[in-house]
Amino acid sequence: MALIELRGVSKEFTQEQQTIHALRNVDLEIEKADIYGIIGMSGAGKSTLVRCLNFLERPTEGEILIDGKNLAELSERELRYKRREIAMIFQHFNLLMQKNVISNVCFPLMIQKTDRKEAAEKAMELLKLVGLEEKAKAYPAQLSGGQKQRVAIARALASSPKILLCDEATSALDPQTTESILQLLKRINQELGITVVIITHQMSVVQDVCNKVAIIEDGQVAETGEVAKIFGAPKSRAARRLIYGVESKELQKLEQAEDMPIGKKIRIVFTSNSAFEPVIANMVLHFKTPVNILRAETRNIGGIAKGEMILGLPQDRQQQVNMELYLRERGLEVQEVDEDV
């Protein structure tokens, strides 16, 4: 059973006597311990979707199940308790500016009437986890953007959630700070077993940290699956636009190229050196050329990818050479394949 399940979820808003369909019949499953990306252009419905996951927005139609429990069937009291399991961080941090760092982290614990000493001890543990114990007495105005987001993450973890929702949590940060926050989220996922859902419009965020992704367009799910497979061979036009960064004529050329015969088949074998980089996704973005994932047999064992993939490379000989070199430089074993797959 999936940890998070959406069944036929739709959300409508009425604005100036017009009905806006923010979400349309969304079906989605997110497994425990996933780092799941939900990506789409501005206005696609991503933020509405994430707010439906904890019932900050109630769907117009459909069901949202967390651990098999339908949120619509919970009483207000039961829903409040359930929300403790679903923490959230935002683009603009939402810290209490008049309170210092440790008081910000303690805030949800104090609402839950946790003993003050116990709350302070837990808050310090969480500040150590995010690398900010020395800033416990500082105020938000004295912190950088990255530090503010780390405080927001520590505060979100105070209630010991099962799920962490991140709504454009890195959009206001520079690339270097974004990378450090993403690595922190990955560590939280691995060490605490918390399921992370990342809402973003940035392809780099998905390829750097997520293992699965849903592409959202016009309030609908255009495509879902493992990041490597979707980046390697996107099937929907929405995914192609996001991954290749092209429109209209350029997109048509790419689609026509995918219909052409495969030029060469190769087997890539994953090693410990290639475990944490989405190599296929990065290669497709780098060359702006699709490849076909003909077969994939991979397993995550102790945080290390084990297994192999069979790829169909484009017909252009120089592209084949460049792609094979790219893969070898990233620690992958590359073998030519003659047999049918």
C-alpha atoms as a PDB file:
ATOM      1  CA  MET A   1       0.000   0.000   0.000  1.00  0.00           C
ATOM      2  CA  ALA A   2       1.311   3.434  -0.958  1.00  0.00           C
ATOM      3  CA  LEU A   3       1.945   5.930   1.852  1.00  0.00           C
ATOM      4  CA  ILE A   4       0.193   8.692  -0.123  1.00  0.00           C
ATOM      5  CA  GLU A   5      -2.551   7.914  -2.622  1.00  0.00           C
ATOM      6  CA  LEU A   6      -4.645  10.304  -4.695  1.00  0.00           C
ATOM      7  CA  ARG A   7      -7.725   8.927  -6.442  1.00  0.00           C
ATOM      8  CA  GLY A   8      -9.480  11.087  -9.014  1.00  0.00           C
ATOM      9  CA  VAL A   9      -8.635  14.334  -7.201  1.00  0.00           C
ATOM     10  CA  SER A  10     -10.061  17.522  -8.712  1.00  0.00           C
ATOM     11  CA  LYS A  11     -10.062  21.043  -7.296  1.00  0.00           C
ATOM     12  CA  GLU A  12     -12.114  23.958  -8.575  1.00  0.00           C
ATOM     13  CA  PHE A  13     -12.040  27.611  -7.549  1.00  0.00           C
ATOM     14  CA  THR A  14     -14.582  30.297  -8.382  1.00  0.00           C
ATOM     15  CA  GLN A  15     -13.051  33.650  -9.233  1.00  0.00           C
ATOM     16  CA  GLU A  16     -15.001  36.617 -10.607  1.00  0.00           C
ATOM     17  CA  GLN A  17     -17.880  34.311 -11.556  1.00  0.00           C
ATOM     18  CA  GLN A  18     -15.494  32.016 -13.457  1.00  0.00           C
ATOM     19  CA  THR A  19     -14.684  28.425 -12.547  1.00  0.00           C
ATOM     20  CA  ILE A  20     -10.964  27.642 -12.471  1.00  0.00           C
ATOM     21  CA  HIS A  21     -10.031  23.964 -12.731  1.00  0.00           C
ATOM     22  CA  ALA A  22      -6.794  23.862 -10.723  1.00  0.00           C
ATOM     23  CA  LEU A  23      -6.654  20.033 -10.641  1.00  0.00           C
ATOM     24  CA  ARG A  24      -8.411  17.564 -12.925  1.00  0.00           C
ATOM     25  CA  ASN A  25      -8.859  13.907 -11.992  1.00  0.00           C
ATOM     26  CA  VAL A  26      -5.371  13.410 -10.538  1.00  0.00           C
ATOM     27  CA  ASP A  27      -4.291   9.844  -9.681  1.00  0.00           C
ATOM     28  CA  LEU A  28      -0.959   9.485  -7.889  1.00  0.00           C
ATOM     29  CA  GLU A  29       0.845   7.046  -5.592  1.00  0.00           C
ATOM     30  CA  ILE A  30       3.877   7.913  -3.463  1.00  0.00           C
ATOM     31  CA  GLU A  31       5.645   5.122  -1.617  1.00  0.00           C
ATOM     32  CA  LYS A  32       7.194   5.297   1.840  1.00  0.00           C
ATOM     33  CA  ALA A  33      10.765   6.714   1.788  1.00  0.00           C
ATOM     34  CA  ASP A  34      10.443   8.126  -1.745  1.00  0.00           C
ATOM     35  CA  ILE A  35      11.899  11.491  -2.645  1.00  0.00           C
ATOM     36  CA  TYR A  36       9.108  12.340  -5.052  1.00  0.00           C
ATOM     37  CA  GLY A  37       9.238  15.340  -7.370  1.00  0.00           C
ATOM     38  CA  ILE A  38       6.115  17.059  -8.685  1.00  0.00           C
ATOM     39  CA  ILE A  39       7.103  19.398 -11.481  1.00  0.00           C
ATOM     40  CA  GLY A  40       5.367  21.675 -13.925  1.00  0.00           C
ATOM     41  CA  MET A  41       5.367  25.192 -15.283  1.00  0.00           C
ATOM     42  CA  SER A  42       3.909  28.133 -13.334  1.00  0.00           C
ATOM     43  CA  GLY A  43       0.139  27.747 -13.033  1.00  0.00           C
ATOM     44  CA  ALA A  44       0.190  23.995 -13.695  1.00  0.00           C
ATOM     45  CA  GLY A  45      -1.496  23.208 -10.359  1.00  0.00           C
ATOM     46  CA  LYS A  46       1.524  22.034  -8.353  1.00  0.00           C
ATOM     47  CA  SER A  47       0.986  24.199  -5.261  1.00  0.00           C
ATOM     48  CA  THR A  48      -2.732  23.405  -5.171  1.00  0.00           C
ATOM     49  CA  LEU A  49      -1.828  19.724  -5.308  1.00  0.00           C
ATOM     50  CA  VAL A  50       0.603  19.898  -2.399  1.00  0.00           C
ATOM     51  CA  ARG A  51      -1.904  21.870  -0.292  1.00  0.00           C
ATOM     52  CA  CYS A  52      -4.468  19.159  -0.942  1.00  0.00           C
ATOM     53  CA  LEU A  53      -2.083  16.532   0.436  1.00  0.00           C
ATOM     54  CA  ASN A  54      -2.557  17.853   3.970  1.00  0.00           C
ATOM     55  CA  PHE A  55      -6.081  19.189   3.399  1.00  0.00           C
ATOM     56  CA  LEU A  56      -5.124  22.842   3.627  1.00  0.00           C
ATOM     57  CA  GLU A  57      -7.215  22.760   0.467  1.00  0.00           C
ATOM     58  CA  ARG A  58     -10.079  20.274   0.366  1.00  0.00           C
ATOM     59  CA  PRO A  59     -10.521  18.613  -3.029  1.00  0.00           C
ATOM     60  CA  THR A  60     -13.740  19.305  -4.894  1.00  0.00           C
ATOM     61  CA  GLU A  61     -13.816  15.653  -5.937  1.00  0.00           C
ATOM     62  CA  GLY A  62     -11.776  12.518  -5.269  1.00  0.00           C
ATOM     63  CA  GLU A  63      -9.988  10.959  -2.319  1.00  0.00           C
ATOM     64  CA  ILE A  64      -6.661  11.527  -0.592  1.00  0.00           C
ATOM     65  CA  LEU A  65      -5.382   8.658   1.532  1.00  0.00           C
ATOM     66  CA  ILE A  66      -2.441   8.850   3.938  1.00  0.00           C
ATOM     67  CA  ASP A  67      -1.415   5.462   5.329  1.00  0.00           C
ATOM     68  CA  GLY A  68      -4.686   4.118   3.943  1.00  0.00           C
ATOM     69  CA  LYS A  69      -6.830   6.666   5.817  1.00  0.00           C
ATOM     70  CA  ASN A  70      -9.141   8.896   3.786  1.00  0.00           C
ATOM     71  CA  LEU A  71      -8.557  12.457   5.054  1.00  0.00           C
ATOM     72  CA  ALA A  72     -12.126  13.455   4.172  1.00  0.00           C
ATOM     73  CA  GLU A  73     -13.470  10.899   6.636  1.00  0.00           C
ATOM     74  CA  LEU A  74     -11.495  12.234   9.619  1.00  0.00           C
ATOM     75  CA  SER A  75     -13.021  14.530  12.209  1.00  0.00           C
ATOM     76  CA  GLU A  76     -11.417  17.968  12.651  1.00  0.00           C
ATOM     77  CA  ARG A  77      -9.606  16.694  15.753  1.00  0.00           C
ATOM     78  CA  GLU A  78      -8.364  13.577  13.953  1.00  0.00           C
ATOM     79  CA  LEU A  79      -7.267  15.702  11.011  1.00  0.00           C
ATOM     80  CA  ARG A  80      -5.231  17.987  13.293  1.00  0.00           C
ATOM     81  CA  TYR A  81      -3.386  14.953  14.669  1.00  0.00           C
ATOM     82  CA  LYS A  82      -2.884  13.542  11.170  1.00  0.00           C
ATOM     83  CA  ARG A  83      -1.364  16.830  10.003  1.00  0.00           C
ATOM     84  CA  ARG A  84       1.407  16.384  12.587  1.00  0.00           C
ATOM     85  CA  GLU A  85       2.602  13.536  10.367  1.00  0.00           C
ATOM     86  CA  ILE A  86       2.634  15.821   7.298  1.00  0.00           C
ATOM     87  CA  ALA A  87       5.079  18.703   7.764  1.00  0.00           C
ATOM     88  CA  MET A  88       5.592  21.475   5.214  1.00  0.00           C
ATOM     89  CA  ILE A  89       8.271  23.991   4.235  1.00  0.00           C
ATOM     90  CA  PHE A  90       7.792  26.956   1.917  1.00  0.00           C
ATOM     91  CA  GLN A  91       9.664  29.191  -0.520  1.00  0.00           C
ATOM     92  CA  HIS A  92       9.701  32.167   1.868  1.00  0.00           C
ATOM     93  CA  PHE A  93      10.458  30.192   5.061  1.00  0.00           C
ATOM     94  CA  ASN A  94       7.498  31.565   7.136  1.00  0.00           C
ATOM     95  CA  LEU A  95       9.563  31.974  10.293  1.00  0.00           C
ATOM     96  CA  LEU A  96       8.377  33.995  13.300  1.00  0.00           C
ATOM     97  CA  MET A  97      10.592  37.082  13.018  1.00  0.00           C
ATOM     98  CA  GLN A  98      10.100  38.168  16.644  1.00  0.00           C
ATOM     99  CA  LYS A  99      11.314  34.803  17.991  1.00  0.00           C
ATOM    100  CA  ASN A 100      14.877  33.479  17.966  1.00  0.00           C
ATOM    101  CA  VAL A 101      15.920  30.333  16.130  1.00  0.00           C
ATOM    102  CA  ILE A 102      15.435  27.830  18.946  1.00  0.00           C
ATOM    103  CA  SER A 103      12.031  29.341  19.802  1.00  0.00           C
ATOM    104  CA  ASN A 104      10.981  28.965  16.163  1.00  0.00           C
ATOM    105  CA  VAL A 105      11.899  25.276  16.250  1.00  0.00           C
ATOM    106  CA  CYS A 106      10.155  24.828  19.619  1.00  0.00           C
ATOM    107  CA  PHE A 107       6.969  26.541  18.418  1.00  0.00           C
ATOM    108  CA  PRO A 108       5.064  23.451  17.124  1.00  0.00           C
ATOM    109  CA  LEU A 109       6.092  21.517  20.249  1.00  0.00           C
ATOM    110  CA  MET A 110       4.756  24.250  22.506  1.00  0.00           C
ATOM    111  CA  ILE A 111       1.434  24.186  20.620  1.00  0.00           C
ATOM    112  CA  GLN A 112       1.328  20.440  21.368  1.00  0.00           C
ATOM    113  CA  LYS A 113       1.952  21.312  25.066  1.00  0.00           C
ATOM    114  CA  THR A 114       5.295  19.507  25.168  1.00  0.00           C
ATOM    115  CA  ASP A 115       7.305  20.075  28.353  1.00  0.00           C
ATOM    116  CA  ARG A 116       9.462  23.191  27.859  1.00  0.00           C
ATOM    117  CA  LYS A 117      12.743  21.482  28.752  1.00  0.00           C
ATOM    118  CA  GLU A 118      11.971  18.483  26.555  1.00  0.00           C
ATOM    119  CA  ALA A 119      11.039  20.809  23.676  1.00  0.00           C
ATOM    120  CA  ALA A 120      14.299  22.758  24.017  1.00  0.00           C
ATOM    121  CA  GLU A 121      16.366  19.552  24.033  1.00  0.00           C
ATOM    122  CA  LYS A 122      14.639  18.249  20.930  1.00  0.00           C
ATOM    123  CA  ALA A 123      15.009  21.616  19.187  1.00  0.00           C
ATOM    124  CA  MET A 124      18.773  21.598  19.824  1.00  0.00           C
ATOM    125  CA  GLU A 125      19.045  18.067  18.420  1.00  0.00           C
ATOM    126  CA  LEU A 126      17.259  19.211  15.259  1.00  0.00           C
ATOM    127  CA  LEU A 127      19.444  22.315  14.954  1.00  0.00           C
ATOM    128  CA  LYS A 128      22.483  20.028  15.120  1.00  0.00           C
ATOM    129  CA  LEU A 129      20.947  17.874  12.397  1.00  0.00           C
ATOM    130  CA  VAL A 130      20.617  20.883  10.073  1.00  0.00           C
ATOM    131  CA  GLY A 131      24.009  22.306  11.097  1.00  0.00           C
ATOM    132  CA  LEU A 132      22.806  25.431  12.942  1.00  0.00           C
ATOM    133  CA  GLU A 133      23.248  24.725  16.651  1.00  0.00           C
ATOM    134  CA  GLU A 134      25.522  27.794  16.977  1.00  0.00           C
ATOM    135  CA  LYS A 135      22.659  30.011  15.711  1.00  0.00           C
ATOM    136  CA  ALA A 136      20.160  28.933  18.391  1.00  0.00           C
ATOM    137  CA  LYS A 137      19.919  32.412  19.953  1.00  0.00           C
ATOM    138  CA  ALA A 138      20.039  34.361  16.670  1.00  0.00           C
ATOM    139  CA  TYR A 139      16.971  35.918  15.080  1.00  0.00           C
ATOM    140  CA  PRO A 140      15.751  35.245  11.522  1.00  0.00           C
ATOM    141  CA  ALA A 141      16.788  38.723  10.365  1.00  0.00           C
ATOM    142  CA  GLN A 142      20.395  37.802  11.187  1.00  0.00           C
ATOM    143  CA  LEU A 143      20.374  34.682   8.984  1.00  0.00           C
ATOM    144  CA  SER A 144      21.031  34.058   5.310  1.00  0.00           C
ATOM    145  CA  GLY A 145      18.329  32.571   3.077  1.00  0.00           C
ATOM    146  CA  GLY A 146      19.851  29.111   3.301  1.00  0.00           C
ATOM    147  CA  GLN A 147      20.082  29.316   7.092  1.00  0.00           C
ATOM    148  CA  LYS A 148      16.449  30.416   7.315  1.00  0.00           C
ATOM    149  CA  GLN A 149      15.398  27.404   5.262  1.00  0.00           C
ATOM    150  CA  ARG A 150      17.420  25.101   7.525  1.00  0.00           C
ATOM    151  CA  VAL A 151      15.586  26.531  10.544  1.00  0.00           C
ATOM    152  CA  ALA A 152      12.289  25.970   8.718  1.00  0.00           C
ATOM    153  CA  ILE A 153      13.291  22.348   8.063  1.00  0.00           C
ATOM    154  CA  ALA A 154      14.236  21.828  11.730  1.00  0.00           C
ATOM    155  CA  ARG A 155      10.876  23.297  12.794  1.00  0.00           C
ATOM    156  CA  ALA A 156       9.042  21.031  10.331  1.00  0.00           C
ATOM    157  CA  LEU A 157      10.794  17.989  11.822  1.00  0.00           C
ATOM    158  CA  ALA A 158       9.895  18.906  15.394  1.00  0.00           C
ATOM    159  CA  SER A 159       6.615  16.976  15.247  1.00  0.00           C
ATOM    160  CA  SER A 160       8.400  13.805  14.041  1.00  0.00           C
ATOM    161  CA  PRO A 161       6.502  13.714  10.722  1.00  0.00           C
ATOM    162  CA  LYS A 162       6.326  10.792   8.304  1.00  0.00           C
ATOM    163  CA  ILE A 163       6.037  13.126   5.310  1.00  0.00           C
ATOM    164  CA  LEU A 164       7.815  16.394   4.461  1.00  0.00           C
ATOM    165  CA  LEU A 165       6.175  18.563   1.791  1.00  0.00           C
ATOM    166  CA  CYS A 166       8.462  21.117   0.126  1.00  0.00           C
ATOM    167  CA  ASP A 167       6.605  23.801  -1.844  1.00  0.00           C
ATOM    168  CA  GLU A 168       9.197  25.524  -4.082  1.00  0.00           C
ATOM    169  CA  ALA A 169      11.490  25.385  -1.038  1.00  0.00           C
ATOM    170  CA  THR A 170      14.664  26.250  -3.003  1.00  0.00           C
ATOM    171  CA  SER A 171      13.250  28.749  -5.521  1.00  0.00           C
ATOM    172  CA  ALA A 172      14.450  31.797  -3.556  1.00  0.00           C
ATOM    173  CA  LEU A 173      17.976  30.420  -3.067  1.00  0.00           C
ATOM    174  CA  ASP A 174      21.150  30.659  -5.128  1.00  0.00           C
ATOM    175  CA  PRO A 175      22.433  27.468  -6.865  1.00  0.00           C
ATOM    176  CA  GLN A 176      25.091  26.630  -4.267  1.00  0.00           C
ATOM    177  CA  THR A 177      22.669  27.058  -1.359  1.00  0.00           C
ATOM    178  CA  THR A 178      20.019  25.084  -3.256  1.00  0.00           C
ATOM    179  CA  GLU A 179      22.457  22.183  -3.598  1.00  0.00           C
ATOM    180  CA  SER A 180      23.217  22.192   0.144  1.00  0.00           C
ATOM    181  CA  ILE A 181      19.489  22.202   1.029  1.00  0.00           C
ATOM    182  CA  LEU A 182      18.811  19.347  -1.396  1.00  0.00           C
ATOM    183  CA  GLN A 183      21.630  17.297   0.124  1.00  0.00           C
ATOM    184  CA  LEU A 184      20.152  17.973   3.577  1.00  0.00           C
ATOM    185  CA  LEU A 185      16.737  16.742   2.384  1.00  0.00           C
ATOM    186  CA  LYS A 186      18.375  13.617   0.959  1.00  0.00           C
ATOM    187  CA  ARG A 187      20.119  12.968   4.287  1.00  0.00           C
ATOM    188  CA  ILE A 188      16.866  13.440   6.216  1.00  0.00           C
ATOM    189  CA  ASN A 189      15.182  10.974   3.853  1.00  0.00           C
ATOM    190  CA  GLN A 190      17.945   8.382   4.266  1.00  0.00           C
ATOM    191  CA  GLU A 191      18.645   8.742   7.994  1.00  0.00           C
ATOM    192  CA  LEU A 192      15.122   9.379   9.321  1.00  0.00           C
ATOM    193  CA  GLY A 193      13.137   7.472   6.691  1.00  0.00           C
ATOM    194  CA  ILE A 194      10.912  10.487   6.031  1.00  0.00           C
ATOM    195  CA  THR A 195       9.091  10.578   2.701  1.00  0.00           C
ATOM    196  CA  VAL A 196       9.898  13.844   0.908  1.00  0.00           C
ATOM    197  CA  VAL A 197       7.591  15.420  -1.691  1.00  0.00           C
ATOM    198  CA  ILE A 198       9.206  18.265  -3.618  1.00  0.00           C
ATOM    199  CA  ILE A 199       7.078  20.718  -5.604  1.00  0.00           C
ATOM    200  CA  THR A 200       9.243  22.600  -8.100  1.00  0.00           C
ATOM    201  CA  HIS A 201       9.511  24.101 -11.560  1.00  0.00           C
ATOM    202  CA  GLN A 202      13.277  23.455 -11.643  1.00  0.00           C
ATOM    203  CA  MET A 203      14.392  20.381 -13.586  1.00  0.00           C
ATOM    204  CA  SER A 204      17.774  20.467 -11.843  1.00  0.00           C
ATOM    205  CA  VAL A 205      16.100  19.901  -8.460  1.00  0.00           C
ATOM    206  CA  VAL A 206      14.341  16.771  -9.713  1.00  0.00           C
ATOM    207  CA  GLN A 207      17.416  15.299 -11.380  1.00  0.00           C
ATOM    208  CA  ASP A 208      19.657  16.023  -8.377  1.00  0.00           C
ATOM    209  CA  VAL A 209      17.602  14.514  -5.572  1.00  0.00           C
ATOM    210  CA  CYS A 210      14.357  12.763  -6.622  1.00  0.00           C
ATOM    211  CA  ASN A 211      13.972   9.072  -7.398  1.00  0.00           C
ATOM    212  CA  LYS A 212      10.473   9.450  -8.876  1.00  0.00           C
ATOM    213  CA  VAL A 213       8.628  12.280 -10.562  1.00  0.00           C
ATOM    214  CA  ALA A 214       5.182  13.367 -11.748  1.00  0.00           C
ATOM    215  CA  ILE A 215       4.866  15.870 -14.591  1.00  0.00           C
ATOM    216  CA  ILE A 216       1.882  18.201 -14.107  1.00  0.00           C
ATOM    217  CA  GLU A 217       0.318  20.295 -16.880  1.00  0.00           C
ATOM    218  CA  ASP A 218      -2.985  22.187 -16.826  1.00  0.00           C
ATOM    219  CA  GLY A 219      -3.963  20.526 -13.560  1.00  0.00           C
ATOM    220  CA  GLN A 220      -3.482  17.004 -14.918  1.00  0.00           C
ATOM    221  CA  VAL A 221      -0.791  14.364 -14.527  1.00  0.00           C
ATOM    222  CA  ALA A 222       0.941  14.099 -17.901  1.00  0.00           C
ATOM    223  CA  GLU A 223       3.466  11.409 -16.910  1.00  0.00           C
ATOM    224  CA  THR A 224       4.827   9.638 -13.826  1.00  0.00           C
ATOM    225  CA  GLY A 225       7.672   7.229 -13.153  1.00  0.00           C
ATOM    226  CA  GLU A 226      11.315   6.853 -12.201  1.00  0.00           C
ATOM    227  CA  VAL A 227      13.389   9.932 -12.886  1.00  0.00           C
ATOM    228  CA  ALA A 228      15.994   8.083 -14.973  1.00  0.00           C
ATOM    229  CA  LYS A 229      13.378   6.522 -17.246  1.00  0.00           C
ATOM    230  CA  ILE A 230      11.381   9.705 -17.798  1.00  0.00           C
ATOM    231  CA  PHE A 231      14.467  11.820 -18.420  1.00  0.00           C
ATOM    232  CA  GLY A 232      15.884   9.168 -20.729  1.00  0.00           C
ATOM    233  CA  ALA A 233      12.750   8.708 -22.824  1.00  0.00           C
ATOM    234  CA  PRO A 234       9.939  11.143 -21.963  1.00  0.00           C
ATOM    235  CA  LYS A 235       6.632  10.091 -23.518  1.00  0.00           C
ATOM    236  CA  SER A 236       4.430  13.162 -22.996  1.00  0.00           C
ATOM    237  CA  ARG A 237       4.837  16.532 -24.690  1.00  0.00           C
ATOM    238  CA  ALA A 238       4.774  18.197 -21.265  1.00  0.00           C
ATOM    239  CA  ALA A 239       7.762  16.134 -20.112  1.00  0.00           C
ATOM    240  CA  ARG A 240       9.637  16.790 -23.367  1.00  0.00           C
ATOM    241  CA  ARG A 241       9.146  20.540 -23.025  1.00  0.00           C
ATOM    242  CA  LEU A 242      10.446  20.538 -19.447  1.00  0.00           C
ATOM    243  CA  ILE A 243      13.364  18.171 -20.025  1.00  0.00           C
ATOM    244  CA  TYR A 244      14.633  19.453 -23.361  1.00  0.00           C
ATOM    245  CA  GLY A 245      13.702  23.078 -22.771  1.00  0.00           C
ATOM    246  CA  VAL A 246      12.311  23.491 -26.287  1.00  0.00           C
ATOM    247  CA  GLU A 247       9.007  24.423 -27.899  1.00  0.00           C
ATOM    248  CA  SER A 248       7.041  23.909 -31.124  1.00  0.00           C
ATOM    249  CA  LYS A 249       9.360  23.223 -34.102  1.00  0.00           C
ATOM    250  CA  GLU A 250      12.307  22.046 -31.990  1.00  0.00           C
ATOM    251  CA  LEU A 251      10.006  19.718 -30.040  1.00  0.00           C
ATOM    252  CA  GLN A 252       8.596  18.273 -33.276  1.00  0.00           C
ATOM    253  CA  LYS A 253      12.122  17.530 -34.488  1.00  0.00           C
ATOM    254  CA  LEU A 254      12.899  15.664 -31.277  1.00  0.00           C
ATOM    255  CA  GLU A 255       9.691  13.662 -31.550  1.00  0.00           C
ATOM    256  CA  GLN A 256      10.497  12.750 -35.153  1.00  0.00           C
ATOM    257  CA  ALA A 257      14.008  11.740 -34.115  1.00  0.00           C
ATOM    258  CA  GLU A 258      12.583   9.353 -31.494  1.00  0.00           C
ATOM    259  CA  ASP A 259      10.626   7.546 -34.221  1.00  0.00           C
ATOM    260  CA  MET A 260      13.803   6.804 -36.187  1.00  0.00           C
ATOM    261  CA  PRO A 261      15.576   3.434 -35.852  1.00  0.00           C
ATOM    262  CA  ILE A 262      17.995   3.004 -32.954  1.00  0.00           C
ATOM    263  CA  GLY A 263      21.583   3.513 -34.047  1.00  0.00           C
ATOM    264  CA  LYS A 264      23.349   1.471 -31.387  1.00  0.00           C
ATOM    265  CA  LYS A 265      22.520  -0.525 -28.267  1.00  0.00           C
ATOM    266  CA  ILE A 266      24.727  -0.401 -25.194  1.00  0.00           C
ATOM    267  CA  ARG A 267      24.622  -1.932 -21.729  1.00  0.00           C
ATOM    268  CA  ILE A 268      25.600   0.249 -18.789  1.00  0.00           C
ATOM    269  CA  VAL A 269      26.487  -1.380 -15.491  1.00  0.00           C
ATOM    270  CA  PHE A 270      26.019   0.641 -12.312  1.00  0.00           C
ATOM    271  CA  THR A 271      28.796   0.804  -9.751  1.00  0.00           C
ATOM    272  CA  SER A 272      29.114   2.486  -6.359  1.00  0.00           C
ATOM    273  CA  ASN A 273      30.707   5.495  -8.083  1.00  0.00           C
ATOM    274  CA  SER A 274      27.541   6.176 -10.094  1.00  0.00           C
ATOM    275  CA  ALA A 275      24.979   5.470  -7.372  1.00  0.00           C
ATOM    276  CA  PHE A 276      23.997   9.001  -6.414  1.00  0.00           C
ATOM    277  CA  GLU A 277      23.987  10.818  -9.763  1.00  0.00           C
ATOM    278  CA  PRO A 278      21.001  10.555 -12.136  1.00  0.00           C
ATOM    279  CA  VAL A 279      23.395   9.873 -14.998  1.00  0.00           C
ATOM    280  CA  ILE A 280      20.881   9.170 -17.784  1.00  0.00           C
ATOM    281  CA  ALA A 281      18.791  12.207 -16.914  1.00  0.00           C
ATOM    282  CA  ASN A 282      21.875  14.425 -16.858  1.00  0.00           C
ATOM    283  CA  MET A 283      23.104  13.008 -20.174  1.00  0.00           C
ATOM    284  CA  VAL A 284      19.790  13.716 -21.920  1.00  0.00           C
ATOM    285  CA  LEU A 285      19.844  17.289 -20.612  1.00  0.00           C
ATOM    286  CA  HIS A 286      23.496  17.726 -21.577  1.00  0.00           C
ATOM    287  CA  PHE A 287      23.136  16.539 -25.189  1.00  0.00           C
ATOM    288  CA  LYS A 288      19.464  17.579 -25.601  1.00  0.00           C
ATOM    289  CA  THR A 289      18.971  14.267 -27.387  1.00  0.00           C
ATOM    290  CA  PRO A 290      16.664  11.461 -26.244  1.00  0.00           C
ATOM    291  CA  VAL A 291      17.810   7.904 -25.670  1.00  0.00           C
ATOM    292  CA  ASN A 292      15.624   4.824 -25.419  1.00  0.00           C
ATOM    293  CA  ILE A 293      15.729   2.825 -22.181  1.00  0.00           C
ATOM    294  CA  LEU A 294      15.120  -0.637 -23.623  1.00  0.00           C
ATOM    295  CA  ARG A 295      15.543  -2.501 -20.370  1.00  0.00           C
ATOM    296  CA  ALA A 296      16.372  -1.594 -16.792  1.00  0.00           C
ATOM    297  CA  GLU A 297      17.177  -3.865 -13.887  1.00  0.00           C
ATOM    298  CA  THR A 298      18.281  -1.757 -10.953  1.00  0.00           C
ATOM    299  CA  ARG A 299      17.946  -2.069  -7.199  1.00  0.00           C
ATOM    300  CA  ASN A 300      18.920   0.276  -4.395  1.00  0.00           C
ATOM    301  CA  ILE A 301      20.981  -1.673  -1.868  1.00  0.00           C
ATOM    302  CA  GLY A 302      22.205   0.308   1.108  1.00  0.00           C
ATOM    303  CA  GLY A 303      21.959   3.546  -0.868  1.00  0.00           C
ATOM    304  CA  ILE A 304      23.965   2.141  -3.796  1.00  0.00           C
ATOM    305  CA  ALA A 305      22.451   1.477  -7.207  1.00  0.00           C
ATOM    306  CA  LYS A 306      23.141  -2.054  -8.387  1.00  0.00           C
ATOM    307  CA  GLY A 307      22.181  -3.424 -11.780  1.00  0.00           C
ATOM    308  CA  GLU A 308      22.213  -2.498 -15.447  1.00  0.00           C
ATOM    309  CA  MET A 309      20.354  -0.715 -18.223  1.00  0.00           C
ATOM    310  CA  ILE A 310      20.177  -1.352 -21.954  1.00  0.00           C
ATOM    311  CA  LEU A 311      20.075   1.921 -23.874  1.00  0.00           C
ATOM    312  CA  GLY A 312      19.281   2.659 -27.503  1.00  0.00           C
ATOM    313  CA  LEU A 313      21.502   5.520 -28.676  1.00  0.00           C
ATOM    314  CA  PRO A 314      20.721   7.856 -31.602  1.00  0.00           C
ATOM    315  CA  GLN A 315      21.981   7.068 -35.109  1.00  0.00           C
ATOM    316  CA  ASP A 316      24.520   9.880 -35.253  1.00  0.00           C
ATOM    317  CA  ARG A 317      27.939   8.236 -34.818  1.00  0.00           C
ATOM    318  CA  GLN A 318      29.562  11.234 -33.117  1.00  0.00           C
ATOM    319  CA  GLN A 319      26.677  11.453 -30.650  1.00  0.00           C
ATOM    320  CA  GLN A 320      27.189   7.773 -29.833  1.00  0.00           C
ATOM    321  CA  VAL A 321      30.889   8.317 -29.166  1.00  0.00           C
ATOM    322  CA  ASN A 322      30.234  11.412 -27.049  1.00  0.00           C
ATOM    323  CA  MET A 323      27.531   9.696 -24.997  1.00  0.00           C
ATOM    324  CA  GLU A 324      29.647   6.617 -24.317  1.00  0.00           C
ATOM    325  CA  LEU A 325      32.534   8.842 -23.225  1.00  0.00           C
ATOM    326  CA  TYR A 326      30.170  10.840 -20.992  1.00  0.00           C
ATOM    327  CA  LEU A 327      28.974   7.648 -19.284  1.00  0.00           C
ATOM    328  CA  ARG A 328      32.481   6.237 -18.774  1.00  0.00           C
ATOM    329  CA  GLU A 329      33.692   9.515 -17.280  1.00  0.00           C
ATOM    330  CA  ARG A 330      30.985   9.093 -14.621  1.00  0.00           C
ATOM    331  CA  GLY A 331      32.142   5.693 -13.483  1.00  0.00           C
ATOM    332  CA  LEU A 332      29.834   3.499 -15.555  1.00  0.00           C
ATOM    333  CA  GLU A 333      30.923   0.355 -17.320  1.00  0.00           C
ATOM    334  CA  VAL A 334      29.747   0.533 -20.976  1.00  0.00           C
ATOM    335  CA  GLN A 335      29.393  -2.509 -23.233  1.00  0.00           C
ATOM    336  CA  GLU A 336      28.071  -2.775 -26.783  1.00  0.00           C
ATOM    337  CA  VAL A 337      25.013  -5.051 -27.198  1.00  0.00           C
ATOM    338  CA  ASP A 338      24.336  -7.040 -30.351  1.00  0.00           C
ATOM    339  CA  GLU A 339      21.365  -9.205 -29.329  1.00  0.00           C
ATOM    340  CA  ASP A 340      17.730  -8.156 -29.360  1.00  0.00           C
ATOM    341  CA  VAL A 341      16.333  -6.915 -26.039  1.00  0.00           C
END
